[in-house]
Amino acid sequence: MTKKNKVDVIIDGRNFTVVGDGSAEYVRGLAAYVDEKIKDIVSKNDKLSSSMAATLAALNITDELYRTSKELKSLKN
């Protein structure tokens, strides 16, 4: 059985405990990336609620993932 790591992170000023296989450094890096995306969105529209900013950050990150996956697939072909 693989040991799960518990890592405390702060995203958008809120504390989260993330449990998973990734190293603490990896999880903290992910959290910092998400936090930065949220801050970037809020800096452009400070009237957004926290949930709206998080949703838009998720949409932007998903767009990055889809574009990168498409590019990788193209490069593999």
PDB file of N, CA and C in Angstrom:
ATOM      1  N   MET A   1       0.840  -1.184   0.000  1.00  0.00           N
ATOM      2  CA  MET A   1       0.000   0.000   0.000  1.00  0.00           C
ATOM      3  C   MET A   1       0.886   1.248   0.000  1.00  0.00           C
ATOM      4  N   THR A   2       0.588   2.170  -0.874  1.00  0.00           N
ATOM      5  CA  THR A   2       1.365   3.392  -0.995  1.00  0.00           C
ATOM      6  C   THR A   2       0.990   4.358   0.120  1.00  0.00           C
ATOM      7  N   LYS A   3       2.012   4.925   0.737  1.00  0.00           N
ATOM      8  CA  LYS A   3       1.774   5.898   1.799  1.00  0.00           C
ATOM      9  C   LYS A   3       1.354   7.227   1.190  1.00  0.00           C
ATOM     10  N   LYS A   4       0.284   7.776   1.686  1.00  0.00           N
ATOM     11  CA  LYS A   4      -0.219   9.074   1.226  1.00  0.00           C
ATOM     12  C   LYS A   4       0.441  10.183   2.032  1.00  0.00           C
ATOM     13  N   ASN A   5       0.766  11.257   1.344  1.00  0.00           N
ATOM     14  CA  ASN A   5       1.346  12.424   1.998  1.00  0.00           C
ATOM     15  C   ASN A   5       0.248  13.431   2.304  1.00  0.00           C
ATOM     16  N   LYS A   6       0.359  14.087   3.445  1.00  0.00           N
ATOM     17  CA  LYS A   6      -0.557  15.171   3.813  1.00  0.00           C
ATOM     18  C   LYS A   6       0.241  16.459   3.760  1.00  0.00           C
ATOM     19  N   VAL A   7      -0.256  17.399   2.948  1.00  0.00           N
ATOM     20  CA  VAL A   7       0.453  18.664   2.776  1.00  0.00           C
ATOM     21  C   VAL A   7      -0.522  19.809   3.009  1.00  0.00           C
ATOM     22  N   ASP A   8      -0.153  20.724   3.877  1.00  0.00           N
ATOM     23  CA  ASP A   8      -0.965  21.908   4.128  1.00  0.00           C
ATOM     24  C   ASP A   8      -0.543  23.005   3.165  1.00  0.00           C
ATOM     25  N   VAL A   9      -1.523  23.592   2.483  1.00  0.00           N
ATOM     26  CA  VAL A   9      -1.258  24.666   1.531  1.00  0.00           C
ATOM     27  C   VAL A   9      -2.261  25.790   1.752  1.00  0.00           C
ATOM     28  N   ILE A  10      -1.935  26.949   1.215  1.00  0.00           N
ATOM     29  CA  ILE A  10      -2.845  28.089   1.259  1.00  0.00           C
ATOM     30  C   ILE A  10      -3.133  28.495  -0.180  1.00  0.00           C
ATOM     31  N   ILE A  11      -4.419  28.521  -0.523  1.00  0.00           N
ATOM     32  CA  ILE A  11      -4.864  28.960  -1.839  1.00  0.00           C
ATOM     33  C   ILE A  11      -5.930  30.019  -1.623  1.00  0.00           C
ATOM     34  N   ASP A  12      -5.717  31.161  -2.218  1.00  0.00           N
ATOM     35  CA  ASP A  12      -6.654  32.284  -2.101  1.00  0.00           C
ATOM     36  C   ASP A  12      -6.938  32.630  -0.640  1.00  0.00           C
ATOM     37  N   GLY A  13      -5.902  32.566   0.179  1.00  0.00           N
ATOM     38  CA  GLY A  13      -6.028  32.934   1.581  1.00  0.00           C
ATOM     39  C   GLY A  13      -6.672  31.891   2.474  1.00  0.00           C
ATOM     40  N   ARG A  14      -6.984  30.723   1.904  1.00  0.00           N
ATOM     41  CA  ARG A  14      -7.624  29.660   2.686  1.00  0.00           C
ATOM     42  C   ARG A  14      -6.693  28.478   2.826  1.00  0.00           C
ATOM     43  N   ASN A  15      -6.754  27.840   3.991  1.00  0.00           N
ATOM     44  CA  ASN A  15      -5.923  26.664   4.261  1.00  0.00           C
ATOM     45  C   ASN A  15      -6.590  25.396   3.745  1.00  0.00           C
ATOM     46  N   PHE A  16      -5.797  24.557   3.114  1.00  0.00           N
ATOM     47  CA  PHE A  16      -6.258  23.259   2.642  1.00  0.00           C
ATOM     48  C   PHE A  16      -5.237  22.211   3.033  1.00  0.00           C
ATOM     49  N   THR A  17      -5.710  21.027   3.369  1.00  0.00           N
ATOM     50  CA  THR A  17      -4.830  19.883   3.559  1.00  0.00           C
ATOM     51  C   THR A  17      -5.067  18.958   2.378  1.00  0.00           C
ATOM     52  N   VAL A  18      -4.008  18.753   1.601  1.00  0.00           N
ATOM     53  CA  VAL A  18      -4.089  17.921   0.411  1.00  0.00           C
ATOM     54  C   VAL A  18      -3.465  16.572   0.736  1.00  0.00           C
ATOM     55  N   VAL A  19      -4.186  15.505   0.432  1.00  0.00           N
ATOM     56  CA  VAL A  19      -3.700  14.152   0.683  1.00  0.00           C
ATOM     57  C   VAL A  19      -3.509  13.472  -0.664  1.00  0.00           C
ATOM     58  N   GLY A  20      -2.307  12.945  -0.895  1.00  0.00           N
ATOM     59  CA  GLY A  20      -2.052  12.285  -2.170  1.00  0.00           C
ATOM     60  C   GLY A  20      -0.674  11.684  -2.240  1.00  0.00           C
ATOM     61  N   ASP A  21      -0.348  11.203  -3.431  1.00  0.00           N
ATOM     62  CA  ASP A  21       0.932  10.534  -3.650  1.00  0.00           C
ATOM     63  C   ASP A  21       2.074  11.505  -3.925  1.00  0.00           C
ATOM     64  N   GLY A  22       1.763  12.704  -4.365  1.00  0.00           N
ATOM     65  CA  GLY A  22       2.791  13.670  -4.733  1.00  0.00           C
ATOM     66  C   GLY A  22       3.605  14.137  -3.547  1.00  0.00           C
ATOM     67  N   SER A  23       4.841  14.530  -3.841  1.00  0.00           N
ATOM     68  CA  SER A  23       5.706  15.047  -2.781  1.00  0.00           C
ATOM     69  C   SER A  23       5.174  16.385  -2.285  1.00  0.00           C
ATOM     70  N   ALA A  24       5.616  16.784  -1.114  1.00  0.00           N
ATOM     71  CA  ALA A  24       5.183  18.058  -0.543  1.00  0.00           C
ATOM     72  C   ALA A  24       5.561  19.211  -1.468  1.00  0.00           C
ATOM     73  N   GLU A  25       6.745  19.153  -2.052  1.00  0.00           N
ATOM     74  CA  GLU A  25       7.200  20.211  -2.947  1.00  0.00           C
ATOM     75  C   GLU A  25       6.309  20.295  -4.185  1.00  0.00           C
ATOM     76  N   TYR A  26       5.938  19.147  -4.723  1.00  0.00           N
ATOM     77  CA  TYR A  26       5.081  19.106  -5.906  1.00  0.00           C
ATOM     78  C   TYR A  26       3.704  19.700  -5.600  1.00  0.00           C
ATOM     79  N   VAL A  27       3.117  19.294  -4.502  1.00  0.00           N
ATOM     80  CA  VAL A  27       1.787  19.779  -4.128  1.00  0.00           C
ATOM     81  C   VAL A  27       1.824  21.274  -3.841  1.00  0.00           C
ATOM     82  N   ARG A  28       2.865  21.730  -3.162  1.00  0.00           N
ATOM     83  CA  ARG A  28       2.992  23.165  -2.884  1.00  0.00           C
ATOM     84  C   ARG A  28       3.147  23.955  -4.189  1.00  0.00           C
ATOM     85  N   GLY A  29       3.851  23.386  -5.151  1.00  0.00           N
ATOM     86  CA  GLY A  29       3.990  24.030  -6.450  1.00  0.00           C
ATOM     87  C   GLY A  29       2.659  24.141  -7.173  1.00  0.00           C
ATOM     88  N   LEU A  30       1.865  23.077  -7.126  1.00  0.00           N
ATOM     89  CA  LEU A  30       0.530  23.113  -7.726  1.00  0.00           C
ATOM     90  C   LEU A  30      -0.327  24.180  -7.062  1.00  0.00           C
ATOM     91  N   ALA A  31      -0.296  24.196  -5.741  1.00  0.00           N
ATOM     92  CA  ALA A  31      -1.100  25.167  -4.995  1.00  0.00           C
ATOM     93  C   ALA A  31      -0.664  26.595  -5.311  1.00  0.00           C
ATOM     94  N   ALA A  32       0.623  26.815  -5.417  1.00  0.00           N
ATOM     95  CA  ALA A  32       1.130  28.152  -5.745  1.00  0.00           C
ATOM     96  C   ALA A  32       0.674  28.574  -7.140  1.00  0.00           C
ATOM     97  N   TYR A  33       0.647  27.630  -8.065  1.00  0.00           N
ATOM     98  CA  TYR A  33       0.204  27.923  -9.432  1.00  0.00           C
ATOM     99  C   TYR A  33      -1.271  28.318  -9.441  1.00  0.00           C
ATOM    100  N   VAL A  34      -2.103  27.559  -8.750  1.00  0.00           N
ATOM    101  CA  VAL A  34      -3.531  27.864  -8.667  1.00  0.00           C
ATOM    102  C   VAL A  34      -3.738  29.215  -7.978  1.00  0.00           C
ATOM    103  N   ASP A  35      -3.025  29.447  -6.904  1.00  0.00           N
ATOM    104  CA  ASP A  35      -3.134  30.700  -6.170  1.00  0.00           C
ATOM    105  C   ASP A  35      -2.772  31.881  -7.065  1.00  0.00           C
ATOM    106  N   GLU A  36      -1.717  31.731  -7.849  1.00  0.00           N
ATOM    107  CA  GLU A  36      -1.287  32.797  -8.750  1.00  0.00           C
ATOM    108  C   GLU A  36      -2.338  33.065  -9.830  1.00  0.00           C
ATOM    109  N   LYS A  37      -2.946  32.006 -10.358  1.00  0.00           N
ATOM    110  CA  LYS A  37      -3.998  32.168 -11.367  1.00  0.00           C
ATOM    111  C   LYS A  37      -5.189  32.933 -10.786  1.00  0.00           C
ATOM    112  N   ILE A  38      -5.577  32.585  -9.560  1.00  0.00           N
ATOM    113  CA  ILE A  38      -6.699  33.278  -8.917  1.00  0.00           C
ATOM    114  C   ILE A  38      -6.354  34.747  -8.699  1.00  0.00           C
ATOM    115  N   LYS A  39      -5.155  35.020  -8.199  1.00  0.00           N
ATOM    116  CA  LYS A  39      -4.732  36.407  -7.967  1.00  0.00           C
ATOM    117  C   LYS A  39      -4.729  37.206  -9.259  1.00  0.00           C
ATOM    118  N   ASP A  40      -4.288  36.585 -10.348  1.00  0.00           N
ATOM    119  CA  ASP A  40      -4.257  37.263 -11.638  1.00  0.00           C
ATOM    120  C   ASP A  40      -5.670  37.643 -12.087  1.00  0.00           C
ATOM    121  N   ILE A  41      -6.604  36.737 -11.917  1.00  0.00           N
ATOM    122  CA  ILE A  41      -7.995  36.997 -12.311  1.00  0.00           C
ATOM    123  C   ILE A  41      -8.603  38.097 -11.447  1.00  0.00           C
ATOM    124  N   VAL A  42      -8.371  38.028 -10.146  1.00  0.00           N
ATOM    125  CA  VAL A  42      -8.924  39.028  -9.225  1.00  0.00           C
ATOM    126  C   VAL A  42      -8.317  40.410  -9.494  1.00  0.00           C
ATOM    127  N   SER A  43      -7.047  40.437  -9.903  1.00  0.00           N
ATOM    128  CA  SER A  43      -6.409  41.728 -10.180  1.00  0.00           C
ATOM    129  C   SER A  43      -7.057  42.436 -11.362  1.00  0.00           C
ATOM    130  N   LYS A  44      -7.700  41.668 -12.227  1.00  0.00           N
ATOM    131  CA  LYS A  44      -8.369  42.239 -13.399  1.00  0.00           C
ATOM    132  C   LYS A  44      -9.830  42.576 -13.130  1.00  0.00           C
ATOM    133  N   ASN A  45     -10.403  41.983 -12.077  1.00  0.00           N
ATOM    134  CA  ASN A  45     -11.808  42.245 -11.729  1.00  0.00           C
ATOM    135  C   ASN A  45     -11.999  41.965 -10.248  1.00  0.00           C
ATOM    136  N   ASP A  46     -11.849  42.983  -9.424  1.00  0.00           N
ATOM    137  CA  ASP A  46     -11.922  42.798  -7.973  1.00  0.00           C
ATOM    138  C   ASP A  46     -13.347  42.639  -7.454  1.00  0.00           C
ATOM    139  N   LYS A  47     -14.332  42.658  -8.332  1.00  0.00           N
ATOM    140  CA  LYS A  47     -15.722  42.472  -7.908  1.00  0.00           C
ATOM    141  C   LYS A  47     -16.146  40.996  -7.921  1.00  0.00           C
ATOM    142  N   LEU A  48     -15.262  40.120  -8.390  1.00  0.00           N
ATOM    143  CA  LEU A  48     -15.582  38.691  -8.421  1.00  0.00           C
ATOM    144  C   LEU A  48     -15.583  38.108  -7.018  1.00  0.00           C
ATOM    145  N   SER A  49     -16.516  37.210  -6.771  1.00  0.00           N
ATOM    146  CA  SER A  49     -16.499  36.477  -5.501  1.00  0.00           C
ATOM    147  C   SER A  49     -15.364  35.463  -5.552  1.00  0.00           C
ATOM    148  N   SER A  50     -15.023  34.909  -4.409  1.00  0.00           N
ATOM    149  CA  SER A  50     -13.962  33.901  -4.353  1.00  0.00           C
ATOM    150  C   SER A  50     -14.289  32.690  -5.210  1.00  0.00           C
ATOM    151  N   SER A  51     -15.547  32.264  -5.158  1.00  0.00           N
ATOM    152  CA  SER A  51     -15.924  31.083  -5.945  1.00  0.00           C
ATOM    153  C   SER A  51     -15.899  31.374  -7.439  1.00  0.00           C
ATOM    154  N   MET A  52     -16.281  32.590  -7.827  1.00  0.00           N
ATOM    155  CA  MET A  52     -16.229  32.949  -9.245  1.00  0.00           C
ATOM    156  C   MET A  52     -14.776  33.008  -9.727  1.00  0.00           C
ATOM    157  N   ALA A  53     -13.904  33.586  -8.926  1.00  0.00           N
ATOM    158  CA  ALA A  53     -12.492  33.664  -9.298  1.00  0.00           C
ATOM    159  C   ALA A  53     -11.881  32.263  -9.399  1.00  0.00           C
ATOM    160  N   ALA A  54     -12.237  31.392  -8.467  1.00  0.00           N
ATOM    161  CA  ALA A  54     -11.722  30.018  -8.491  1.00  0.00           C
ATOM    162  C   ALA A  54     -12.241  29.262  -9.712  1.00  0.00           C
ATOM    163  N   THR A  55     -13.508  29.495 -10.058  1.00  0.00           N
ATOM    164  CA  THR A  55     -14.085  28.838 -11.230  1.00  0.00           C
ATOM    165  C   THR A  55     -13.406  29.313 -12.510  1.00  0.00           C
ATOM    166  N   LEU A  56     -13.174  30.601 -12.629  1.00  0.00           N
ATOM    167  CA  LEU A  56     -12.488  31.123 -13.809  1.00  0.00           C
ATOM    168  C   LEU A  56     -11.043  30.643 -13.872  1.00  0.00           C
ATOM    169  N   ALA A  57     -10.392  30.547 -12.726  1.00  0.00           N
ATOM    170  CA  ALA A  57      -9.024  30.007 -12.700  1.00  0.00           C
ATOM    171  C   ALA A  57      -9.022  28.556 -13.165  1.00  0.00           C
ATOM    172  N   ALA A  58     -10.002  27.789 -12.703  1.00  0.00           N
ATOM    173  CA  ALA A  58     -10.111  26.386 -13.130  1.00  0.00           C
ATOM    174  C   ALA A  58     -10.325  26.294 -14.638  1.00  0.00           C
ATOM    175  N   LEU A  59     -11.152  27.179 -15.174  1.00  0.00           N
ATOM    176  CA  LEU A  59     -11.402  27.187 -16.613  1.00  0.00           C
ATOM    177  C   LEU A  59     -10.129  27.535 -17.382  1.00  0.00           C
ATOM    178  N   ASN A  60      -9.382  28.527 -16.916  1.00  0.00           N
ATOM    179  CA  ASN A  60      -8.132  28.909 -17.568  1.00  0.00           C
ATOM    180  C   ASN A  60      -7.095  27.786 -17.506  1.00  0.00           C
ATOM    181  N   ILE A  61      -6.987  27.126 -16.363  1.00  0.00           N
ATOM    182  CA  ILE A  61      -6.035  26.031 -16.213  1.00  0.00           C
ATOM    183  C   ILE A  61      -6.441  24.861 -17.104  1.00  0.00           C
ATOM    184  N   THR A  62      -7.737  24.596 -17.200  1.00  0.00           N
ATOM    185  CA  THR A  62      -8.229  23.527 -18.075  1.00  0.00           C
ATOM    186  C   THR A  62      -7.922  23.851 -19.530  1.00  0.00           C
ATOM    187  N   ASP A  63      -8.076  25.105 -19.919  1.00  0.00           N
ATOM    188  CA  ASP A  63      -7.723  25.519 -21.275  1.00  0.00           C
ATOM    189  C   ASP A  63      -6.242  25.247 -21.542  1.00  0.00           C
ATOM    190  N   GLU A  64      -5.385  25.591 -20.592  1.00  0.00           N
ATOM    191  CA  GLU A  64      -3.950  25.317 -20.738  1.00  0.00           C
ATOM    192  C   GLU A  64      -3.699  23.815 -20.912  1.00  0.00           C
ATOM    193  N   LEU A  65      -4.382  23.008 -20.113  1.00  0.00           N
ATOM    194  CA  LEU A  65      -4.220  21.557 -20.187  1.00  0.00           C
ATOM    195  C   LEU A  65      -4.645  21.041 -21.552  1.00  0.00           C
ATOM    196  N   TYR A  66      -5.813  21.457 -22.030  1.00  0.00           N
ATOM    197  CA  TYR A  66      -6.316  20.989 -23.324  1.00  0.00           C
ATOM    198  C   TYR A  66      -5.379  21.396 -24.455  1.00  0.00           C
ATOM    199  N   ARG A  67      -4.934  22.656 -24.435  1.00  0.00           N
ATOM    200  CA  ARG A  67      -4.028  23.125 -25.490  1.00  0.00           C
ATOM    201  C   ARG A  67      -2.700  22.368 -25.456  1.00  0.00           C
ATOM    202  N   THR A  68      -2.180  22.147 -24.274  1.00  0.00           N
ATOM    203  CA  THR A  68      -0.915  21.417 -24.142  1.00  0.00           C
ATOM    204  C   THR A  68      -1.072  19.972 -24.568  1.00  0.00           C
ATOM    205  N   SER A  69      -2.184  19.343 -24.193  1.00  0.00           N
ATOM    206  CA  SER A  69      -2.440  17.954 -24.596  1.00  0.00           C
ATOM    207  C   SER A  69      -2.556  17.843 -26.098  1.00  0.00           C
ATOM    208  N   LYS A  70      -3.238  18.800 -26.718  1.00  0.00           N
ATOM    209  CA  LYS A  70      -3.395  18.802 -28.168  1.00  0.00           C
ATOM    210  C   LYS A  70      -2.038  18.977 -28.847  1.00  0.00           C
ATOM    211  N   GLU A  71      -1.220  19.862 -28.330  1.00  0.00           N
ATOM    212  CA  GLU A  71       0.121  20.084 -28.894  1.00  0.00           C
ATOM    213  C   GLU A  71       0.997  18.837 -28.734  1.00  0.00           C
ATOM    214  N   LEU A  72       0.921  18.204 -27.576  1.00  0.00           N
ATOM    215  CA  LEU A  72       1.694  16.970 -27.344  1.00  0.00           C
ATOM    216  C   LEU A  72       1.275  15.884 -28.313  1.00  0.00           C
ATOM    217  N   LYS A  73      -0.024  15.734 -28.491  1.00  0.00           N
ATOM    218  CA  LYS A  73      -0.538  14.721 -29.419  1.00  0.00           C
ATOM    219  C   LYS A  73      -0.043  14.989 -30.830  1.00  0.00           C
ATOM    220  N   SER A  74      -0.063  16.267 -31.215  1.00  0.00           N
ATOM    221  CA  SER A  74       0.417  16.665 -32.542  1.00  0.00           C
ATOM    222  C   SER A  74       1.906  16.358 -32.700  1.00  0.00           C
ATOM    223  N   LEU A  75       2.682  16.642 -31.665  1.00  0.00           N
ATOM    224  CA  LEU A  75       4.123  16.369 -31.721  1.00  0.00           C
ATOM    225  C   LEU A  75       4.429  14.881 -31.780  1.00  0.00           C
ATOM    226  N   LYS A  76       3.592  14.074 -31.108  1.00  0.00           N
ATOM    227  CA  LYS A  76       3.802  12.616 -31.141  1.00  0.00           C
ATOM    228  C   LYS A  76       3.529  12.044 -32.526  1.00  0.00           C
ATOM    229  N   ASN A  77       2.605  12.675 -33.244  1.00  0.00           N
ATOM    230  CA  ASN A  77       2.284  12.210 -34.599  1.00  0.00           C
ATOM    231  C   ASN A  77       3.343  12.721 -35.537  1.00  0.00           C
TER     232      ASN A  77
END
